[in-house]
């Protein structure tokens, strides 16, 4: 055996994953980091070239092409592109030489790839696996029981599904579009807006207008193209966002209750694009004792899921630092000098993070205590001023500063919000509702962000920093040295490598 190349491409956020014969992840990254096009649906030639360093015995695709085309036909979009796995991958891998393309191509169901990306990277031997997204083929929600058999092979049994057009993800995207944002991209902005609104103003109206059955997660309308004409015309955007978040949380709770009753496990694996809703994730611990969300739960992460299914066994997961690597020691002392002089500093060092969250290797960092820091960073990133930032904190001190929700004492990948106990002291990282999307950093972290936090704590007595992604609105995160130099030149922020 050589390696397995997992691919997710063709619709949203294309990505690849290289998995070796021992179940170790050699590399994983999104196409957008190379093409510089946000959420790029197609594999960029430079990403394909980076993957050409390895030889492969199998290429695994994250969904069934013919099922995807059938879903397009049923949803009124029409068939577009090949309907075979070899045909799709022939388009996506056109820059690979014939000798690099192995004879074995496999593909899997869309939601099963999501499930495998979560379960086979989790620490669990068995779990309830919940997948919630906009739509994958014709599935919108899936609940699996997952386990390893006596031979160590991963097994999945789907116990319940909901299908198109009944979709929590499409509902959230329709509201995102209605308030003037980009659907399938800006849902996190809608989530951030919700903290400024009054949920009660539209919660019941949204429920009455669109939700047919909470327990079955059924909607009255197909919201794929957006809200019906005239619906909620003139509604206040922040109140509508708040009401939408409330309805969404109600529906997610219904799914979790069903998963709890069907699987009878204390372990939850949660995947799909809706799993990025960190405000909703705070209550998952009410239903399950242990929670795992792989840090790329959306379609990009399904490249790992397809590779995992082809491999068939547990994946050796270490952390999310899996992308393009910038060598050299982490610039702790240079960063300290910038931070102590009340400056904002960029870091581009080590392997880039896989997934949408910056975790210290492609980050903008600042002192979270400054009253003007939030506005300054938003200006640099060209974002709306209401947008919140996340704190990154020494793991062992997190509970001294945040009310970590049940099941989230460790929150290494910024996957759930927590109430801040001393919000007045850290205005740059506390949102309007008093919560923060906390990232905890363990002592054994492979990123130098741990050493920087330790140095910062020693010098200032503050165990946290503001951490946000090293990019501006509408652009992917910095990936390589050239990107770092460009960012520094265009936006006037030192980027240390």
Foldseek 3Di string as FASTA:
>chain_A
DAWEWFWFADDWFTKIWIAGLVQETQFIATQCLPVFFHRHRAHDPVRLVVVLVTADQEYEYQAQQLLQQVLCVVVVNHGDFDRHQVRVVCVRNVNDDPVRDHPHYYYDHNVLLLQQLFPLADPDQWAWEWEAAQAGSFWGIWIWTWHADPVQFIDIDTDDTDTPPLHLHLLLQLLCVVLPHHGPHCSVVLLLLLLVADQVVCQVVCCVQWADDLLRSGTPDRQNVHDPPPPCPPPDSSNSSNSSVVSSLSSVVSVLVVSCVPHVALEYEYAEPVLQSQASVLCSLVRHQAYTYQQARYSSSSSVSRSSVVSRHRRHDDFQLRHFADDDDFPQVVVVVQQVVQHKAFEAHGRAGHHQFGQANQKIKYAQQDPCVLVVVCVLQVHDSQGAFAKEFALVCVVVFWQRGRNPSAQQNLRHKTATPCCNRGVRAAHSNRIGSYHHDYPPDPHCVCVNLVVCCVVPVDGIITIGGCHHPSTGTNGDPVSQVVSCVPRVHHYDD
